[in-house]
Amino acid sequence: MPLSDIMARVAKACEDAGRAADEVTVIAVSKVQPDERVRAVLDEGHRVFGENKVQEAAGKWPRFREEYDGIDLHLIGPLQTNKARQAMGLAQAIHSVDRPKLANTLARIAQETGTCPDLFIQVNTGEEPQKAGVMPLDVDGFVAECRGLDLPVRGLMCIPPVEETPSLHFALLAKMADRNGLPGLSMGMSGDFEQAIAFGATHVRIGSAIFGERVKA
């Protein structure tokens, strides 16, 4: 689907929710996409992209940044502590802060370098054992812990369980963010971003609807 169609759907979802279109940032999830597809979206003027893996991001985005100005890179996949320094050097935002060890590592590097990307805390709203994220009962305490480390926590992120109604998880995430005074909500993907916008999403992560199905690595 052309990027312009996605942006039109985002604008319509915002209008239906009584929100301004500029309240929602579309993250074009370019993981495992060939360079020519990414370049086509860049050539349309889009500048906000998402990657799952630090290694893939490092192999792709420094090159694109030599050609295109204003790229805003978001890391949305699980982050290992030993990749934290590299991630902080590449990305303007990290959406997967999910444990104290990672928070402490990010804080230490931020102190050393004097800079830190915007951070989103990943919440395991479905309490799925195989999925990363802070459990809902632990969110308030972890937000406080991150703030105590002087980390720039901008919001919360979730990936709803595949078999459950996503709107229930979007509503839960919005409630937790509001309770903690966090403005950012990173939620909604290709199949449900309109629902996410209705529940207050500020960042929607759209991959296949923009790029087509992923190319298998």
C-alpha atoms as a PDB file:
ATOM      1  CA  MET A   1       0.000   0.000   0.000  1.00  0.00           C
ATOM      2  CA  PRO A   2       1.427   3.414  -0.877  1.00  0.00           C
ATOM      3  CA  LEU A   3       2.664   5.496   2.033  1.00  0.00           C
ATOM      4  CA  SER A   4       0.198   8.239   1.055  1.00  0.00           C
ATOM      5  CA  ASP A   5      -2.704   5.817   1.615  1.00  0.00           C
ATOM      6  CA  ILE A   6      -1.404   4.921   5.077  1.00  0.00           C
ATOM      7  CA  MET A   7      -1.005   8.585   5.990  1.00  0.00           C
ATOM      8  CA  ALA A   8      -4.562   9.250   4.785  1.00  0.00           C
ATOM      9  CA  ARG A   9      -5.874   6.414   6.963  1.00  0.00           C
ATOM     10  CA  VAL A  10      -3.939   7.792   9.946  1.00  0.00           C
ATOM     11  CA  ALA A  11      -5.385  11.262   9.338  1.00  0.00           C
ATOM     12  CA  LYS A  12      -8.913   9.799   9.084  1.00  0.00           C
ATOM     13  CA  ALA A  13      -8.457   7.786  12.304  1.00  0.00           C
ATOM     14  CA  CYS A  14      -7.260  10.948  14.068  1.00  0.00           C
ATOM     15  CA  GLU A  15     -10.237  12.904  12.758  1.00  0.00           C
ATOM     16  CA  ASP A  16     -12.637  10.171  13.922  1.00  0.00           C
ATOM     17  CA  ALA A  17     -11.010  10.267  17.371  1.00  0.00           C
ATOM     18  CA  GLY A  18     -11.185  14.059  17.572  1.00  0.00           C
ATOM     19  CA  ARG A  19      -7.422  14.342  17.440  1.00  0.00           C
ATOM     20  CA  ALA A  20      -5.030  16.350  15.289  1.00  0.00           C
ATOM     21  CA  ALA A  21      -3.124  14.321  12.677  1.00  0.00           C
ATOM     22  CA  ASP A  22       0.195  15.689  13.916  1.00  0.00           C
ATOM     23  CA  GLU A  23      -0.393  14.024  17.300  1.00  0.00           C
ATOM     24  CA  VAL A  24       0.526  10.645  15.755  1.00  0.00           C
ATOM     25  CA  THR A  25       3.976   9.682  14.494  1.00  0.00           C
ATOM     26  CA  VAL A  26       4.067   6.913  11.895  1.00  0.00           C
ATOM     27  CA  ILE A  27       7.106   4.685  12.392  1.00  0.00           C
ATOM     28  CA  ALA A  28       7.816   2.850   9.127  1.00  0.00           C
ATOM     29  CA  VAL A  29       9.130  -0.510  10.352  1.00  0.00           C
ATOM     30  CA  SER A  30      11.872  -1.362   7.888  1.00  0.00           C
ATOM     31  CA  LYS A  31      13.309  -4.488   9.532  1.00  0.00           C
ATOM     32  CA  VAL A  32      14.254  -7.213   7.048  1.00  0.00           C
ATOM     33  CA  GLN A  33      13.268  -4.980   4.121  1.00  0.00           C
ATOM     34  CA  PRO A  34      15.561  -4.609   1.106  1.00  0.00           C
ATOM     35  CA  ASP A  35      17.255  -1.264   0.616  1.00  0.00           C
ATOM     36  CA  GLU A  36      15.269  -0.424  -2.499  1.00  0.00           C
ATOM     37  CA  ARG A  37      11.971  -0.550  -0.575  1.00  0.00           C
ATOM     38  CA  VAL A  38      13.388   1.624   2.204  1.00  0.00           C
ATOM     39  CA  ARG A  39      14.812   4.060  -0.309  1.00  0.00           C
ATOM     40  CA  ALA A  40      11.427   4.371  -2.026  1.00  0.00           C
ATOM     41  CA  VAL A  41       9.813   5.426   1.263  1.00  0.00           C
ATOM     42  CA  LEU A  42      12.665   7.854   1.961  1.00  0.00           C
ATOM     43  CA  ASP A  43      12.199   9.317  -1.515  1.00  0.00           C
ATOM     44  CA  GLU A  44       8.535   9.955  -0.666  1.00  0.00           C
ATOM     45  CA  GLY A  45       9.775  12.186   2.147  1.00  0.00           C
ATOM     46  CA  HIS A  46       9.195   9.939   5.139  1.00  0.00           C
ATOM     47  CA  ARG A  47      11.911  10.101   7.779  1.00  0.00           C
ATOM     48  CA  VAL A  48      10.748   8.086  10.822  1.00  0.00           C
ATOM     49  CA  PHE A  49      11.774   4.425  10.724  1.00  0.00           C
ATOM     50  CA  GLY A  50      11.829   1.459  13.091  1.00  0.00           C
ATOM     51  CA  GLU A  51      14.273  -1.430  13.386  1.00  0.00           C
ATOM     52  CA  ASN A  52      14.181  -4.502  15.606  1.00  0.00           C
ATOM     53  CA  LYS A  53      17.856  -5.381  15.764  1.00  0.00           C
ATOM     54  CA  VAL A  54      20.803  -3.131  16.512  1.00  0.00           C
ATOM     55  CA  GLN A  55      23.049  -5.060  14.130  1.00  0.00           C
ATOM     56  CA  GLU A  56      20.676  -4.609  11.193  1.00  0.00           C
ATOM     57  CA  ALA A  57      20.183  -0.930  12.023  1.00  0.00           C
ATOM     58  CA  ALA A  58      23.942  -0.391  12.173  1.00  0.00           C
ATOM     59  CA  GLY A  59      24.379  -1.976   8.751  1.00  0.00           C
ATOM     60  CA  LYS A  60      21.686   0.125   7.132  1.00  0.00           C
ATOM     61  CA  TRP A  61      21.125   3.562   8.601  1.00  0.00           C
ATOM     62  CA  PRO A  62      24.576   5.178   8.679  1.00  0.00           C
ATOM     63  CA  ARG A  63      24.624   4.739   4.894  1.00  0.00           C
ATOM     64  CA  PHE A  64      21.156   6.194   4.433  1.00  0.00           C
ATOM     65  CA  ARG A  65      22.028   9.115   6.701  1.00  0.00           C
ATOM     66  CA  GLU A  66      24.813  10.040   4.291  1.00  0.00           C
ATOM     67  CA  GLU A  67      22.164  10.498   1.584  1.00  0.00           C
ATOM     68  CA  TYR A  68      19.101  11.749   3.474  1.00  0.00           C
ATOM     69  CA  ASP A  69      18.776  14.428   6.131  1.00  0.00           C
ATOM     70  CA  GLY A  70      16.598  14.261   9.222  1.00  0.00           C
ATOM     71  CA  ILE A  71      16.265  10.509   9.688  1.00  0.00           C
ATOM     72  CA  ASP A  72      14.594   9.667  13.017  1.00  0.00           C
ATOM     73  CA  LEU A  73      15.402   6.065  13.946  1.00  0.00           C
ATOM     74  CA  HIS A  74      13.442   4.108  16.552  1.00  0.00           C
ATOM     75  CA  LEU A  75      14.618   0.759  17.938  1.00  0.00           C
ATOM     76  CA  ILE A  76      11.535  -1.296  18.703  1.00  0.00           C
ATOM     77  CA  GLY A  77      12.894  -4.799  19.333  1.00  0.00           C
ATOM     78  CA  PRO A  78      14.311  -6.419  22.476  1.00  0.00           C
ATOM     79  CA  LEU A  79      17.610  -4.805  23.471  1.00  0.00           C
ATOM     80  CA  GLN A  80      20.516  -6.700  25.005  1.00  0.00           C
ATOM     81  CA  THR A  81      22.530  -4.742  27.538  1.00  0.00           C
ATOM     82  CA  ASN A  82      25.753  -5.405  25.615  1.00  0.00           C
ATOM     83  CA  LYS A  83      24.225  -3.629  22.596  1.00  0.00           C
ATOM     84  CA  ALA A  84      22.971  -0.643  24.606  1.00  0.00           C
ATOM     85  CA  ARG A  85      25.874   1.677  23.821  1.00  0.00           C
ATOM     86  CA  GLN A  86      25.644   0.978  20.093  1.00  0.00           C
ATOM     87  CA  ALA A  87      21.851   1.417  20.203  1.00  0.00           C
ATOM     88  CA  MET A  88      22.160   4.773  21.945  1.00  0.00           C
ATOM     89  CA  GLY A  89      24.555   5.957  19.255  1.00  0.00           C
ATOM     90  CA  LEU A  90      22.234   4.950  16.434  1.00  0.00           C
ATOM     91  CA  ALA A  91      18.704   5.689  17.577  1.00  0.00           C
ATOM     92  CA  GLN A  92      16.692   8.726  18.553  1.00  0.00           C
ATOM     93  CA  ALA A  93      14.275   6.524  20.529  1.00  0.00           C
ATOM     94  CA  ILE A  94      14.280   3.075  22.149  1.00  0.00           C
ATOM     95  CA  HIS A  95      10.856   1.482  22.683  1.00  0.00           C
ATOM     96  CA  SER A  96      11.858  -1.671  24.556  1.00  0.00           C
ATOM     97  CA  VAL A  97      13.160  -0.715  28.002  1.00  0.00           C
ATOM     98  CA  ASP A  98      11.893  -3.674  29.994  1.00  0.00           C
ATOM     99  CA  ARG A  99      14.125  -4.478  32.991  1.00  0.00           C
ATOM    100  CA  PRO A 100      16.221  -2.810  35.690  1.00  0.00           C
ATOM    101  CA  LYS A 101      19.548  -4.100  34.340  1.00  0.00           C
ATOM    102  CA  LEU A 102      18.938  -2.424  30.986  1.00  0.00           C
ATOM    103  CA  ALA A 103      17.726   0.791  32.629  1.00  0.00           C
ATOM    104  CA  ASN A 104      20.871   0.959  34.765  1.00  0.00           C
ATOM    105  CA  THR A 105      23.085   0.351  31.727  1.00  0.00           C
ATOM    106  CA  LEU A 106      21.350   3.093  29.746  1.00  0.00           C
ATOM    107  CA  ALA A 107      21.656   5.482  32.688  1.00  0.00           C
ATOM    108  CA  ARG A 108      25.370   4.786  33.086  1.00  0.00           C
ATOM    109  CA  ILE A 109      26.078   5.371  29.394  1.00  0.00           C
ATOM    110  CA  ALA A 110      23.909   8.503  29.390  1.00  0.00           C
ATOM    111  CA  GLN A 111      25.966   9.861  32.285  1.00  0.00           C
ATOM    112  CA  GLU A 112      29.188   9.128  30.392  1.00  0.00           C
ATOM    113  CA  THR A 113      28.093  10.603  27.085  1.00  0.00           C
ATOM    114  CA  GLY A 114      25.775  13.369  28.247  1.00  0.00           C
ATOM    115  CA  THR A 115      23.018  12.242  25.904  1.00  0.00           C
ATOM    116  CA  CYS A 116      20.231   9.663  25.786  1.00  0.00           C
ATOM    117  CA  PRO A 117      17.537   8.723  23.252  1.00  0.00           C
ATOM    118  CA  ASP A 118      13.883   9.081  24.184  1.00  0.00           C
ATOM    119  CA  LEU A 119      12.794   5.947  26.032  1.00  0.00           C
ATOM    120  CA  PHE A 120       9.576   3.956  26.100  1.00  0.00           C
ATOM    121  CA  ILE A 121       8.973   1.238  28.673  1.00  0.00           C
ATOM    122  CA  GLN A 122       7.675  -1.971  27.120  1.00  0.00           C
ATOM    123  CA  VAL A 123       4.721  -3.444  29.008  1.00  0.00           C
ATOM    124  CA  ASN A 124       3.719  -7.094  28.659  1.00  0.00           C
ATOM    125  CA  THR A 125       0.012  -6.277  28.799  1.00  0.00           C
ATOM    126  CA  GLY A 126      -0.977  -9.858  28.031  1.00  0.00           C
ATOM    127  CA  GLU A 127       1.398 -11.269  30.671  1.00  0.00           C
ATOM    128  CA  GLU A 128       2.746 -13.691  28.069  1.00  0.00           C
ATOM    129  CA  PRO A 129       5.690 -15.761  29.356  1.00  0.00           C
ATOM    130  CA  GLN A 130       7.469 -15.779  25.973  1.00  0.00           C
ATOM    131  CA  LYS A 131       7.247 -12.018  25.491  1.00  0.00           C
ATOM    132  CA  ALA A 132       9.472  -9.236  26.801  1.00  0.00           C
ATOM    133  CA  GLY A 133       8.079  -6.388  28.842  1.00  0.00           C
ATOM    134  CA  VAL A 134       7.328  -5.264  32.364  1.00  0.00           C
ATOM    135  CA  MET A 135       4.298  -6.923  33.956  1.00  0.00           C
ATOM    136  CA  PRO A 136       1.360  -4.529  34.441  1.00  0.00           C
ATOM    137  CA  LEU A 137       1.580  -4.719  38.230  1.00  0.00           C
ATOM    138  CA  ASP A 138       5.240  -3.643  38.081  1.00  0.00           C
ATOM    139  CA  VAL A 139       4.847  -0.673  35.728  1.00  0.00           C
ATOM    140  CA  ASP A 140       4.438   2.111  38.296  1.00  0.00           C
ATOM    141  CA  GLY A 141       7.474   0.992  40.263  1.00  0.00           C
ATOM    142  CA  PHE A 142       9.630   0.612  37.166  1.00  0.00           C
ATOM    143  CA  VAL A 143       8.644   4.042  35.841  1.00  0.00           C
ATOM    144  CA  ALA A 144       9.657   5.516  39.199  1.00  0.00           C
ATOM    145  CA  GLU A 145      12.932   3.575  39.121  1.00  0.00           C
ATOM    146  CA  CYS A 146      13.771   4.884  35.627  1.00  0.00           C
ATOM    147  CA  ARG A 147      12.925   8.424  36.639  1.00  0.00           C
ATOM    148  CA  GLY A 148      15.150   8.014  39.663  1.00  0.00           C
ATOM    149  CA  LEU A 149      17.983   7.204  37.242  1.00  0.00           C
ATOM    150  CA  ASP A 150      17.245  10.471  35.412  1.00  0.00           C
ATOM    151  CA  LEU A 151      16.263   8.604  32.246  1.00  0.00           C
ATOM    152  CA  PRO A 152      14.091  10.411  29.664  1.00  0.00           C
ATOM    153  CA  VAL A 153      11.046   8.132  29.803  1.00  0.00           C
ATOM    154  CA  ARG A 154       8.544   9.468  27.277  1.00  0.00           C
ATOM    155  CA  GLY A 155       5.919   6.782  27.344  1.00  0.00           C
ATOM    156  CA  LEU A 156       4.881   3.129  27.297  1.00  0.00           C
ATOM    157  CA  MET A 157       4.863   0.522  24.523  1.00  0.00           C
ATOM    158  CA  CYS A 158       2.958  -2.733  24.071  1.00  0.00           C
ATOM    159  CA  ILE A 159       2.460  -5.561  21.588  1.00  0.00           C
ATOM    160  CA  PRO A 160      -0.957  -7.150  22.289  1.00  0.00           C
ATOM    161  CA  PRO A 161      -1.319 -10.942  22.169  1.00  0.00           C
ATOM    162  CA  VAL A 162      -2.165 -12.095  18.658  1.00  0.00           C
ATOM    163  CA  GLU A 163      -5.318 -13.948  19.719  1.00  0.00           C
ATOM    164  CA  GLU A 164      -6.811 -11.197  21.887  1.00  0.00           C
ATOM    165  CA  THR A 165      -8.741  -8.023  21.075  1.00  0.00           C
ATOM    166  CA  PRO A 166      -6.047  -5.343  20.791  1.00  0.00           C
ATOM    167  CA  SER A 167      -8.280  -2.511  21.993  1.00  0.00           C
ATOM    168  CA  LEU A 168      -8.373  -4.001  25.504  1.00  0.00           C
ATOM    169  CA  HIS A 169      -4.584  -3.792  25.651  1.00  0.00           C
ATOM    170  CA  PHE A 170      -4.501  -0.298  24.165  1.00  0.00           C
ATOM    171  CA  ALA A 171      -6.969   0.871  26.806  1.00  0.00           C
ATOM    172  CA  LEU A 172      -4.889  -0.727  29.570  1.00  0.00           C
ATOM    173  CA  LEU A 173      -1.656   0.861  28.322  1.00  0.00           C
ATOM    174  CA  ALA A 174      -3.314   4.277  28.033  1.00  0.00           C
ATOM    175  CA  LYS A 175      -4.597   4.009  31.606  1.00  0.00           C
ATOM    176  CA  MET A 176      -1.143   3.108  32.947  1.00  0.00           C
ATOM    177  CA  ALA A 177       0.526   5.926  31.017  1.00  0.00           C
ATOM    178  CA  ASP A 178      -1.997   8.462  32.239  1.00  0.00           C
ATOM    179  CA  ARG A 179      -1.588   7.309  35.829  1.00  0.00           C
ATOM    180  CA  ASN A 180       2.159   7.899  35.547  1.00  0.00           C
ATOM    181  CA  GLY A 181       1.948  11.212  33.716  1.00  0.00           C
ATOM    182  CA  LEU A 182       3.513   9.798  30.546  1.00  0.00           C
ATOM    183  CA  PRO A 183       2.397  11.398  27.261  1.00  0.00           C
ATOM    184  CA  GLY A 184       3.739   8.762  24.841  1.00  0.00           C
ATOM    185  CA  LEU A 185       1.887   5.626  23.736  1.00  0.00           C
ATOM    186  CA  SER A 186       3.715   3.392  21.272  1.00  0.00           C
ATOM    187  CA  MET A 187       1.014   0.959  20.184  1.00  0.00           C
ATOM    188  CA  GLY A 188      -0.682  -0.231  17.037  1.00  0.00           C
ATOM    189  CA  MET A 189       0.710  -2.003  13.994  1.00  0.00           C
ATOM    190  CA  SER A 190      -0.376  -2.610  10.397  1.00  0.00           C
ATOM    191  CA  GLY A 191      -3.539  -4.504  11.310  1.00  0.00           C
ATOM    192  CA  ASP A 192      -4.814  -2.384  14.186  1.00  0.00           C
ATOM    193  CA  PHE A 193      -3.288   1.098  14.097  1.00  0.00           C
ATOM    194  CA  GLU A 194      -6.655   2.808  13.634  1.00  0.00           C
ATOM    195  CA  GLN A 195      -7.906   1.223  16.864  1.00  0.00           C
ATOM    196  CA  ALA A 196      -4.698   2.284  18.611  1.00  0.00           C
ATOM    197  CA  ILE A 197      -5.171   5.880  17.481  1.00  0.00           C
ATOM    198  CA  ALA A 198      -8.711   5.827  18.890  1.00  0.00           C
ATOM    199  CA  PHE A 199      -7.198   4.905  22.268  1.00  0.00           C
ATOM    200  CA  GLY A 200      -4.578   7.653  22.173  1.00  0.00           C
ATOM    201  CA  ALA A 201      -1.543   6.181  20.378  1.00  0.00           C
ATOM    202  CA  THR A 202       1.170   8.759  19.726  1.00  0.00           C
ATOM    203  CA  HIS A 203       3.429   6.364  17.798  1.00  0.00           C
ATOM    204  CA  VAL A 204       2.155   3.609  15.489  1.00  0.00           C
ATOM    205  CA  ARG A 205       4.571   0.997  14.144  1.00  0.00           C
ATOM    206  CA  ILE A 206       3.608   0.094  10.573  1.00  0.00           C
ATOM    207  CA  GLY A 207       5.674  -2.343   8.539  1.00  0.00           C
ATOM    208  CA  SER A 208       3.980  -4.630   6.028  1.00  0.00           C
ATOM    209  CA  ALA A 209       1.194  -2.164   5.180  1.00  0.00           C
ATOM    210  CA  ILE A 210       3.863   0.281   3.951  1.00  0.00           C
ATOM    211  CA  PHE A 211       6.591  -1.990   2.602  1.00  0.00           C
ATOM    212  CA  GLY A 212       4.741  -5.163   1.711  1.00  0.00           C
ATOM    213  CA  GLU A 213       5.445  -8.513   3.311  1.00  0.00           C
ATOM    214  CA  ARG A 214       8.870  -8.930   4.851  1.00  0.00           C
ATOM    215  CA  VAL A 215      11.624 -10.511   2.829  1.00  0.00           C
ATOM    216  CA  LYS A 216      12.893 -13.589   4.648  1.00  0.00           C
ATOM    217  CA  ALA A 217      16.473 -13.228   5.835  1.00  0.00           C
END
